[in-house]
Amino acid sequence: MVLGLGGVVASCGDRPRVLNLPFGDSGISVNSPYGEQDPAVAGRYVVYTSDRQGSQAIYLFDLVDQRPIPLPGLNRFDTLAADPAVSEDGRYIVFVGIRDGRSQIYLYDRIAQRTRSLTSNLPGQVQHPSISADGSTVAFGVNVGGQWDIAVYDRNGRPLPIATNPR
């Protein structure tokens, strides 16, 4: 599934079709001239970024109920958000946030309505986070000293070991 300039493109057989999704209670439509380059889909949810209201923000859309989901406390004017991903139950959203020129991986808990950095002590750049279906594990790219690697953390911000010689 892809969010494009006209809306959501869904696969029907071998050809895509555009879904005209409705306006939410806030009057904001998923369809917008400002599109996410790489929206993420998990279960019934699509998460994406857009600058439709004048600043970069993260949005969550429920494909079953056909409505946007409010994300109180997530979007901030001092943070540029990018590359969001969502857990299958829609509770957790992980994303790259850039504040004061520094990129970090953030985790938003929709039930607690809180965002916290998972990588505040990690030097270097981060990119492209993904989250496990149950929201327990986050993987992302990290560049420390010019070398891009993959890091895996639990949702509490603790690094997990990665097998260097998997079988």
N, C-alpha and C. Protein backbone atom coordinates (compact mmCIF):
# COMPACT_ATOMS: atom_id res chain seq x y z
N MET A 1 0.84 -1.16 0.00
CA MET A 1 0.00 0.00 0.00
C MET A 1 0.89 1.23 0.00
N VAL A 2 0.55 2.25 -0.77
CA VAL A 2 1.37 3.44 -0.90
C VAL A 2 0.50 4.68 -0.78
N LEU A 3 0.94 5.66 0.01
CA LEU A 3 0.26 6.95 0.04
C LEU A 3 0.84 7.79 -1.07
N GLY A 4 0.00 8.29 -1.91
CA GLY A 4 0.49 9.11 -3.00
C GLY A 4 -0.14 10.48 -2.94
N LEU A 5 0.03 11.23 -4.01
CA LEU A 5 -0.52 12.58 -4.04
C LEU A 5 -2.04 12.58 -3.99
N GLY A 6 -2.66 11.53 -4.51
CA GLY A 6 -4.11 11.50 -4.51
C GLY A 6 -4.72 10.70 -3.39
N GLY A 7 -3.94 9.99 -2.62
CA GLY A 7 -4.51 9.21 -1.54
C GLY A 7 -3.75 7.93 -1.32
N VAL A 8 -4.45 6.91 -0.99
CA VAL A 8 -3.83 5.62 -0.74
C VAL A 8 -4.02 4.77 -1.97
N VAL A 9 -2.96 4.12 -2.41
CA VAL A 9 -3.03 3.23 -3.55
C VAL A 9 -3.00 1.81 -3.01
N ALA A 10 -4.02 1.03 -3.30
CA ALA A 10 -4.10 -0.34 -2.82
C ALA A 10 -4.01 -1.28 -4.00
N SER A 11 -3.47 -2.43 -3.77
CA SER A 11 -3.34 -3.42 -4.84
C SER A 11 -4.64 -4.20 -4.99
N CYS A 12 -5.13 -4.29 -6.21
CA CYS A 12 -6.30 -5.09 -6.54
C CYS A 12 -5.91 -5.97 -7.71
N GLY A 13 -5.52 -7.18 -7.41
CA GLY A 13 -5.03 -8.01 -8.49
C GLY A 13 -3.69 -7.51 -8.94
N ASP A 14 -3.54 -7.28 -10.25
CA ASP A 14 -2.25 -6.80 -10.72
C ASP A 14 -2.22 -5.30 -10.96
N ARG A 15 -3.25 -4.56 -10.60
CA ARG A 15 -3.18 -3.12 -10.80
C ARG A 15 -3.61 -2.38 -9.54
N PRO A 16 -2.94 -1.26 -9.30
CA PRO A 16 -3.29 -0.48 -8.11
C PRO A 16 -4.57 0.31 -8.32
N ARG A 17 -5.22 0.64 -7.23
CA ARG A 17 -6.37 1.53 -7.30
C ARG A 17 -6.25 2.57 -6.19
N VAL A 18 -6.72 3.76 -6.44
CA VAL A 18 -6.66 4.85 -5.46
C VAL A 18 -7.90 4.77 -4.58
N LEU A 19 -7.68 4.81 -3.29
CA LEU A 19 -8.79 4.83 -2.33
C LEU A 19 -8.99 6.27 -1.88
N ASN A 20 -10.17 6.80 -2.06
CA ASN A 20 -10.47 8.13 -1.55
C ASN A 20 -10.92 7.99 -0.11
N LEU A 21 -10.01 8.28 0.81
CA LEU A 21 -10.29 8.10 2.22
C LEU A 21 -10.97 9.34 2.78
N PRO A 22 -11.82 9.17 3.78
CA PRO A 22 -12.65 10.27 4.29
C PRO A 22 -11.88 11.23 5.18
N PHE A 23 -12.56 12.32 5.49
CA PHE A 23 -12.06 13.28 6.47
C PHE A 23 -12.30 12.72 7.86
N GLY A 24 -11.43 13.04 8.77
CA GLY A 24 -11.62 12.63 10.16
C GLY A 24 -12.44 13.66 10.90
N ASP A 25 -12.64 13.43 12.19
CA ASP A 25 -13.41 14.35 13.02
C ASP A 25 -12.78 15.74 13.05
N SER A 26 -11.46 15.79 12.88
CA SER A 26 -10.76 17.07 12.91
C SER A 26 -10.86 17.82 11.59
N GLY A 27 -11.46 17.19 10.58
CA GLY A 27 -11.58 17.82 9.28
C GLY A 27 -10.37 17.63 8.40
N ILE A 28 -9.42 16.81 8.84
CA ILE A 28 -8.19 16.58 8.07
C ILE A 28 -8.36 15.31 7.25
N SER A 29 -8.11 15.41 5.97
CA SER A 29 -8.19 14.25 5.10
C SER A 29 -6.84 13.56 5.02
N VAL A 30 -6.86 12.26 4.80
CA VAL A 30 -5.61 11.54 4.54
C VAL A 30 -5.07 11.98 3.19
N ASN A 31 -5.96 12.26 2.25
CA ASN A 31 -5.55 12.70 0.92
C ASN A 31 -5.02 14.12 1.01
N SER A 32 -3.86 14.34 0.44
CA SER A 32 -3.20 15.63 0.56
C SER A 32 -2.20 15.80 -0.56
N PRO A 33 -1.91 17.05 -0.98
CA PRO A 33 -0.84 17.24 -1.95
C PRO A 33 0.54 17.02 -1.33
N TYR A 34 0.62 16.86 -0.01
CA TYR A 34 1.89 16.64 0.68
C TYR A 34 1.96 15.18 1.07
N GLY A 35 2.72 14.39 0.34
CA GLY A 35 2.72 12.96 0.55
C GLY A 35 3.96 12.44 1.24
N GLU A 36 3.80 11.37 1.96
CA GLU A 36 4.90 10.64 2.58
C GLU A 36 5.56 9.78 1.51
N GLN A 37 6.88 9.80 1.50
CA GLN A 37 7.60 9.01 0.52
C GLN A 37 7.54 7.52 0.82
N ASP A 38 7.42 7.17 2.09
CA ASP A 38 7.47 5.77 2.47
C ASP A 38 6.59 5.52 3.70
N PRO A 39 5.28 5.51 3.54
CA PRO A 39 4.42 5.24 4.69
C PRO A 39 4.60 3.80 5.15
N ALA A 40 4.31 3.53 6.40
CA ALA A 40 4.45 2.18 6.94
C ALA A 40 3.07 1.63 7.27
N VAL A 41 2.87 0.36 6.96
CA VAL A 41 1.61 -0.32 7.22
C VAL A 41 1.87 -1.47 8.18
N ALA A 42 1.05 -1.59 9.20
CA ALA A 42 1.11 -2.73 10.12
C ALA A 42 -0.31 -3.04 10.56
N GLY A 43 -0.76 -4.25 10.28
CA GLY A 43 -2.13 -4.61 10.64
C GLY A 43 -3.12 -3.67 9.98
N ARG A 44 -3.94 -3.04 10.78
CA ARG A 44 -4.98 -2.15 10.27
C ARG A 44 -4.54 -0.70 10.18
N TYR A 45 -3.27 -0.40 10.48
CA TYR A 45 -2.80 0.98 10.59
C TYR A 45 -1.80 1.37 9.50
N VAL A 46 -1.91 2.63 9.09
CA VAL A 46 -0.92 3.27 8.22
C VAL A 46 -0.39 4.47 9.00
N VAL A 47 0.94 4.58 9.10
CA VAL A 47 1.56 5.73 9.75
C VAL A 47 2.40 6.45 8.71
N TYR A 48 2.37 7.77 8.72
CA TYR A 48 3.08 8.55 7.71
C TYR A 48 3.35 9.95 8.24
N THR A 49 4.23 10.67 7.56
CA THR A 49 4.47 12.07 7.89
C THR A 49 3.89 12.95 6.79
N SER A 50 3.53 14.16 7.17
CA SER A 50 3.02 15.13 6.22
C SER A 50 3.22 16.52 6.80
N ASP A 51 3.33 17.50 5.92
CA ASP A 51 3.42 18.88 6.38
C ASP A 51 2.13 19.63 6.04
N ARG A 52 1.03 18.92 6.04
CA ARG A 52 -0.26 19.48 5.64
C ARG A 52 -0.72 20.65 6.50
N GLN A 53 -0.25 20.77 7.75
CA GLN A 53 -0.68 21.87 8.61
C GLN A 53 0.45 22.87 8.86
N GLY A 54 1.42 22.91 7.95
CA GLY A 54 2.46 23.91 8.03
C GLY A 54 3.73 23.47 8.72
N SER A 55 3.73 22.29 9.33
CA SER A 55 4.95 21.74 9.91
C SER A 55 4.90 20.23 9.80
N GLN A 56 6.07 19.63 9.75
CA GLN A 56 6.17 18.18 9.60
C GLN A 56 5.56 17.49 10.82
N ALA A 57 4.63 16.57 10.60
CA ALA A 57 3.97 15.87 11.69
C ALA A 57 3.72 14.42 11.30
N ILE A 58 3.52 13.58 12.30
CA ILE A 58 3.21 12.16 12.10
C ILE A 58 1.71 11.97 12.23
N TYR A 59 1.14 11.16 11.33
CA TYR A 59 -0.28 10.85 11.34
C TYR A 59 -0.46 9.34 11.34
N LEU A 60 -1.54 8.89 11.99
CA LEU A 60 -1.89 7.47 12.04
C LEU A 60 -3.30 7.33 11.51
N PHE A 61 -3.49 6.38 10.59
CA PHE A 61 -4.81 6.18 9.99
C PHE A 61 -5.23 4.73 10.20
N ASP A 62 -6.47 4.54 10.63
CA ASP A 62 -7.05 3.21 10.83
C ASP A 62 -7.76 2.82 9.54
N LEU A 63 -7.25 1.79 8.86
CA LEU A 63 -7.82 1.37 7.59
C LEU A 63 -9.16 0.66 7.74
N VAL A 64 -9.40 0.04 8.87
CA VAL A 64 -10.66 -0.67 9.09
C VAL A 64 -11.79 0.32 9.38
N ASP A 65 -11.55 1.23 10.32
CA ASP A 65 -12.57 2.22 10.67
C ASP A 65 -12.57 3.43 9.74
N GLN A 66 -11.58 3.50 8.83
CA GLN A 66 -11.49 4.58 7.85
C GLN A 66 -11.46 5.96 8.51
N ARG A 67 -10.55 6.12 9.50
CA ARG A 67 -10.46 7.41 10.18
C ARG A 67 -9.05 7.64 10.71
N PRO A 68 -8.65 8.91 10.81
CA PRO A 68 -7.37 9.22 11.45
C PRO A 68 -7.48 9.00 12.96
N ILE A 69 -6.38 8.62 13.57
CA ILE A 69 -6.32 8.38 15.01
C ILE A 69 -5.59 9.56 15.65
N PRO A 70 -6.17 10.19 16.67
CA PRO A 70 -5.47 11.29 17.36
C PRO A 70 -4.19 10.80 18.02
N LEU A 71 -3.17 11.63 18.01
CA LEU A 71 -1.87 11.32 18.61
C LEU A 71 -1.46 12.44 19.56
N PRO A 72 -2.18 12.63 20.67
CA PRO A 72 -1.87 13.73 21.58
C PRO A 72 -0.47 13.60 22.17
N GLY A 73 0.24 14.72 22.19
CA GLY A 73 1.58 14.75 22.77
C GLY A 73 2.68 14.27 21.87
N LEU A 74 2.37 13.84 20.66
CA LEU A 74 3.41 13.30 19.77
C LEU A 74 4.14 14.40 19.01
N ASN A 75 3.44 15.17 18.24
CA ASN A 75 4.07 16.13 17.34
C ASN A 75 4.46 17.40 18.07
N ARG A 76 5.72 17.82 17.84
CA ARG A 76 6.26 19.02 18.49
C ARG A 76 6.84 19.94 17.43
N PHE A 77 6.74 21.24 17.68
CA PHE A 77 7.27 22.21 16.72
C PHE A 77 8.80 22.22 16.68
N ASP A 78 9.46 21.77 17.74
CA ASP A 78 10.92 21.79 17.78
C ASP A 78 11.57 20.51 17.26
N THR A 79 10.76 19.59 16.73
CA THR A 79 11.28 18.31 16.26
C THR A 79 10.79 18.04 14.84
N LEU A 80 11.72 17.75 13.95
CA LEU A 80 11.39 17.32 12.60
C LEU A 80 11.26 15.80 12.63
N ALA A 81 10.09 15.28 12.31
CA ALA A 81 9.82 13.84 12.38
C ALA A 81 9.92 13.21 10.99
N ALA A 82 10.48 11.99 10.95
CA ALA A 82 10.63 11.27 9.68
C ALA A 82 10.63 9.77 9.93
N ASP A 83 10.40 9.01 8.89
CA ASP A 83 10.52 7.55 8.89
C ASP A 83 9.72 6.85 9.98
N PRO A 84 8.44 7.15 10.17
CA PRO A 84 7.71 6.47 11.23
C PRO A 84 7.38 5.02 10.87
N ALA A 85 7.24 4.20 11.89
CA ALA A 85 6.76 2.82 11.77
C ALA A 85 5.85 2.57 12.96
N VAL A 86 4.92 1.63 12.82
CA VAL A 86 3.91 1.40 13.86
C VAL A 86 3.85 -0.08 14.20
N SER A 87 3.61 -0.38 15.48
CA SER A 87 3.39 -1.77 15.89
C SER A 87 2.04 -2.23 15.36
N GLU A 88 1.86 -3.53 15.27
CA GLU A 88 0.66 -4.06 14.64
C GLU A 88 -0.63 -3.66 15.36
N ASP A 89 -0.58 -3.49 16.67
CA ASP A 89 -1.78 -3.09 17.42
C ASP A 89 -1.97 -1.57 17.44
N GLY A 90 -1.03 -0.82 16.83
CA GLY A 90 -1.14 0.63 16.75
C GLY A 90 -0.76 1.35 18.02
N ARG A 91 -0.29 0.64 19.03
CA ARG A 91 0.05 1.29 20.30
C ARG A 91 1.34 2.09 20.21
N TYR A 92 2.36 1.53 19.56
CA TYR A 92 3.68 2.15 19.54
C TYR A 92 4.02 2.68 18.14
N ILE A 93 4.56 3.89 18.11
CA ILE A 93 5.08 4.47 16.87
C ILE A 93 6.53 4.82 17.13
N VAL A 94 7.40 4.35 16.26
CA VAL A 94 8.83 4.66 16.35
C VAL A 94 9.16 5.56 15.16
N PHE A 95 10.06 6.53 15.36
CA PHE A 95 10.40 7.45 14.27
C PHE A 95 11.74 8.11 14.54
N VAL A 96 12.29 8.71 13.48
CA VAL A 96 13.48 9.54 13.63
C VAL A 96 13.00 10.95 13.93
N GLY A 97 13.55 11.54 14.96
CA GLY A 97 13.26 12.92 15.29
C GLY A 97 14.56 13.71 15.28
N ILE A 98 14.52 14.88 14.66
CA ILE A 98 15.72 15.72 14.60
C ILE A 98 15.43 16.98 15.40
N ARG A 99 16.22 17.18 16.46
CA ARG A 99 16.15 18.37 17.31
C ARG A 99 17.53 18.95 17.42
N ASP A 100 17.63 20.24 17.26
CA ASP A 100 18.92 20.93 17.38
C ASP A 100 20.00 20.28 16.51
N GLY A 101 19.61 19.81 15.33
CA GLY A 101 20.56 19.23 14.39
C GLY A 101 21.00 17.81 14.70
N ARG A 102 20.44 17.20 15.73
CA ARG A 102 20.83 15.85 16.13
C ARG A 102 19.66 14.89 15.91
N SER A 103 19.93 13.77 15.24
CA SER A 103 18.88 12.78 15.01
C SER A 103 18.89 11.73 16.12
N GLN A 104 17.68 11.34 16.53
CA GLN A 104 17.50 10.30 17.54
C GLN A 104 16.31 9.43 17.15
N ILE A 105 16.26 8.23 17.70
CA ILE A 105 15.10 7.37 17.53
C ILE A 105 14.18 7.60 18.73
N TYR A 106 12.93 7.91 18.42
CA TYR A 106 11.93 8.15 19.46
C TYR A 106 10.85 7.08 19.40
N LEU A 107 10.27 6.78 20.55
CA LEU A 107 9.16 5.84 20.65
C LEU A 107 7.99 6.56 21.30
N TYR A 108 6.85 6.56 20.62
CA TYR A 108 5.62 7.15 21.15
C TYR A 108 4.71 6.02 21.59
N ASP A 109 4.20 6.10 22.81
CA ASP A 109 3.24 5.15 23.35
C ASP A 109 1.87 5.82 23.30
N ARG A 110 1.00 5.30 22.45
CA ARG A 110 -0.30 5.94 22.23
C ARG A 110 -1.20 5.86 23.47
N ILE A 111 -1.06 4.81 24.27
CA ILE A 111 -1.89 4.69 25.48
C ILE A 111 -1.40 5.66 26.56
N ALA A 112 -0.09 5.71 26.78
CA ALA A 112 0.47 6.63 27.78
C ALA A 112 0.54 8.07 27.27
N GLN A 113 0.42 8.26 25.96
CA GLN A 113 0.52 9.56 25.30
C GLN A 113 1.85 10.23 25.62
N ARG A 114 2.93 9.44 25.54
CA ARG A 114 4.27 9.95 25.83
C ARG A 114 5.25 9.54 24.74
N THR A 115 6.21 10.43 24.49
CA THR A 115 7.30 10.16 23.57
C THR A 115 8.60 10.18 24.35
N ARG A 116 9.48 9.21 24.06
CA ARG A 116 10.79 9.22 24.71
C ARG A 116 11.85 8.78 23.72
N SER A 117 13.04 9.31 23.92
CA SER A 117 14.17 8.95 23.07
C SER A 117 14.70 7.59 23.49
N LEU A 118 14.96 6.74 22.51
CA LEU A 118 15.60 5.45 22.77
C LEU A 118 17.11 5.55 22.62
N THR A 119 17.59 6.64 22.01
CA THR A 119 19.00 6.72 21.63
C THR A 119 19.68 7.98 22.15
N SER A 120 19.25 8.51 23.27
CA SER A 120 19.81 9.77 23.75
C SER A 120 21.31 9.67 24.06
N ASN A 121 21.80 8.49 24.39
CA ASN A 121 23.22 8.31 24.70
C ASN A 121 24.02 7.74 23.53
N LEU A 122 23.41 7.64 22.38
CA LEU A 122 24.07 7.05 21.21
C LEU A 122 24.66 8.16 20.34
N PRO A 123 25.98 8.21 20.18
CA PRO A 123 26.56 9.23 19.30
C PRO A 123 26.34 8.82 17.84
N GLY A 124 26.24 9.77 16.97
CA GLY A 124 26.10 9.47 15.55
C GLY A 124 24.70 9.70 15.04
N GLN A 125 24.52 9.41 13.76
CA GLN A 125 23.25 9.60 13.08
C GLN A 125 22.45 8.31 13.11
N VAL A 126 21.13 8.44 13.06
CA VAL A 126 20.24 7.28 13.00
C VAL A 126 19.26 7.47 11.85
N GLN A 127 18.73 6.34 11.35
CA GLN A 127 17.78 6.42 10.25
C GLN A 127 16.93 5.15 10.17
N HIS A 128 15.83 5.23 9.47
CA HIS A 128 14.96 4.12 9.08
C HIS A 128 14.63 3.12 10.18
N PRO A 129 13.97 3.55 11.25
CA PRO A 129 13.61 2.58 12.29
C PRO A 129 12.46 1.67 11.84
N SER A 130 12.45 0.47 12.38
CA SER A 130 11.32 -0.44 12.22
C SER A 130 11.01 -0.99 13.60
N ILE A 131 9.78 -1.46 13.78
CA ILE A 131 9.36 -1.96 15.08
C ILE A 131 8.71 -3.33 14.90
N SER A 132 8.94 -4.21 15.86
CA SER A 132 8.34 -5.54 15.79
C SER A 132 6.83 -5.44 15.92
N ALA A 133 6.13 -6.48 15.49
CA ALA A 133 4.67 -6.48 15.51
C ALA A 133 4.12 -6.22 16.91
N ASP A 134 4.78 -6.78 17.94
CA ASP A 134 4.29 -6.59 19.31
C ASP A 134 4.85 -5.33 19.97
N GLY A 135 5.69 -4.58 19.27
CA GLY A 135 6.22 -3.33 19.79
C GLY A 135 7.36 -3.48 20.78
N SER A 136 7.89 -4.68 20.93
CA SER A 136 8.93 -4.90 21.94
C SER A 136 10.34 -4.59 21.46
N THR A 137 10.56 -4.59 20.14
CA THR A 137 11.91 -4.46 19.59
C THR A 137 11.94 -3.44 18.47
N VAL A 138 12.98 -2.62 18.47
CA VAL A 138 13.16 -1.59 17.44
C VAL A 138 14.53 -1.80 16.79
N ALA A 139 14.56 -1.81 15.46
CA ALA A 139 15.81 -1.90 14.71
C ALA A 139 15.95 -0.63 13.88
N PHE A 140 17.19 -0.18 13.68
CA PHE A 140 17.41 1.05 12.91
C PHE A 140 18.85 1.10 12.44
N GLY A 141 19.09 1.97 11.46
CA GLY A 141 20.45 2.22 10.99
C GLY A 141 21.12 3.25 11.86
N VAL A 142 22.42 3.04 12.14
CA VAL A 142 23.18 3.99 12.96
C VAL A 142 24.55 4.19 12.32
N ASN A 143 24.98 5.44 12.25
CA ASN A 143 26.28 5.78 11.67
C ASN A 143 27.13 6.40 12.77
N VAL A 144 28.12 5.66 13.20
CA VAL A 144 29.08 6.16 14.18
C VAL A 144 30.45 6.11 13.53
N GLY A 145 31.08 7.25 13.34
CA GLY A 145 32.41 7.29 12.75
C GLY A 145 32.44 6.97 11.27
N GLY A 146 31.35 7.22 10.55
CA GLY A 146 31.33 7.01 9.11
C GLY A 146 30.94 5.62 8.65
N GLN A 147 30.65 4.73 9.56
CA GLN A 147 30.26 3.36 9.22
C GLN A 147 28.80 3.12 9.60
N TRP A 148 27.95 2.80 8.61
CA TRP A 148 26.55 2.50 8.90
C TRP A 148 26.42 1.06 9.37
N ASP A 149 25.72 0.87 10.46
CA ASP A 149 25.45 -0.45 11.02
C ASP A 149 23.98 -0.53 11.39
N ILE A 150 23.56 -1.72 11.79
CA ILE A 150 22.20 -1.93 12.28
C ILE A 150 22.26 -2.08 13.79
N ALA A 151 21.39 -1.37 14.48
CA ALA A 151 21.27 -1.49 15.93
C ALA A 151 19.89 -2.04 16.25
N VAL A 152 19.81 -2.83 17.29
CA VAL A 152 18.53 -3.38 17.75
C VAL A 152 18.40 -3.07 19.24
N TYR A 153 17.30 -2.41 19.59
CA TYR A 153 17.04 -2.00 20.97
C TYR A 153 15.69 -2.58 21.41
N ASP A 154 15.54 -2.74 22.73
CA ASP A 154 14.20 -3.04 23.22
C ASP A 154 13.46 -1.70 23.37
N ARG A 155 12.18 -1.75 23.63
CA ARG A 155 11.40 -0.51 23.67
C ARG A 155 11.71 0.36 24.87
N ASN A 156 12.54 -0.13 25.79
CA ASN A 156 12.98 0.68 26.92
C ASN A 156 14.30 1.38 26.65
N GLY A 157 14.85 1.23 25.44
CA GLY A 157 16.08 1.92 25.06
C GLY A 157 17.35 1.16 25.38
N ARG A 158 17.23 -0.13 25.66
CA ARG A 158 18.42 -0.95 25.94
C ARG A 158 18.86 -1.67 24.67
N PRO A 159 20.16 -1.58 24.32
CA PRO A 159 20.67 -2.30 23.15
C PRO A 159 20.55 -3.81 23.35
N LEU A 160 20.18 -4.51 22.29
CA LEU A 160 20.11 -5.96 22.31
C LEU A 160 21.27 -6.52 21.49
N PRO A 161 21.82 -7.66 21.88
CA PRO A 161 22.93 -8.22 21.12
C PRO A 161 22.47 -8.70 19.74
N ILE A 162 23.35 -8.52 18.77
CA ILE A 162 23.10 -9.00 17.41
C ILE A 162 24.14 -10.06 17.12
N ALA A 163 23.70 -11.21 16.64
CA ALA A 163 24.64 -12.27 16.28
C ALA A 163 25.49 -11.80 15.11
N THR A 164 26.81 -11.90 15.26
CA THR A 164 27.69 -11.47 14.17
C THR A 164 27.98 -12.60 13.20
N ASN A 165 27.64 -13.82 13.58
CA ASN A 165 27.86 -14.97 12.71
C ASN A 165 26.63 -15.90 12.79
N PRO A 166 25.46 -15.41 12.33
CA PRO A 166 24.24 -16.21 12.48
C PRO A 166 24.28 -17.47 11.62
N ARG A 167 23.59 -18.50 12.09
CA ARG A 167 23.53 -19.77 11.32
C ARG A 167 22.15 -20.00 10.80
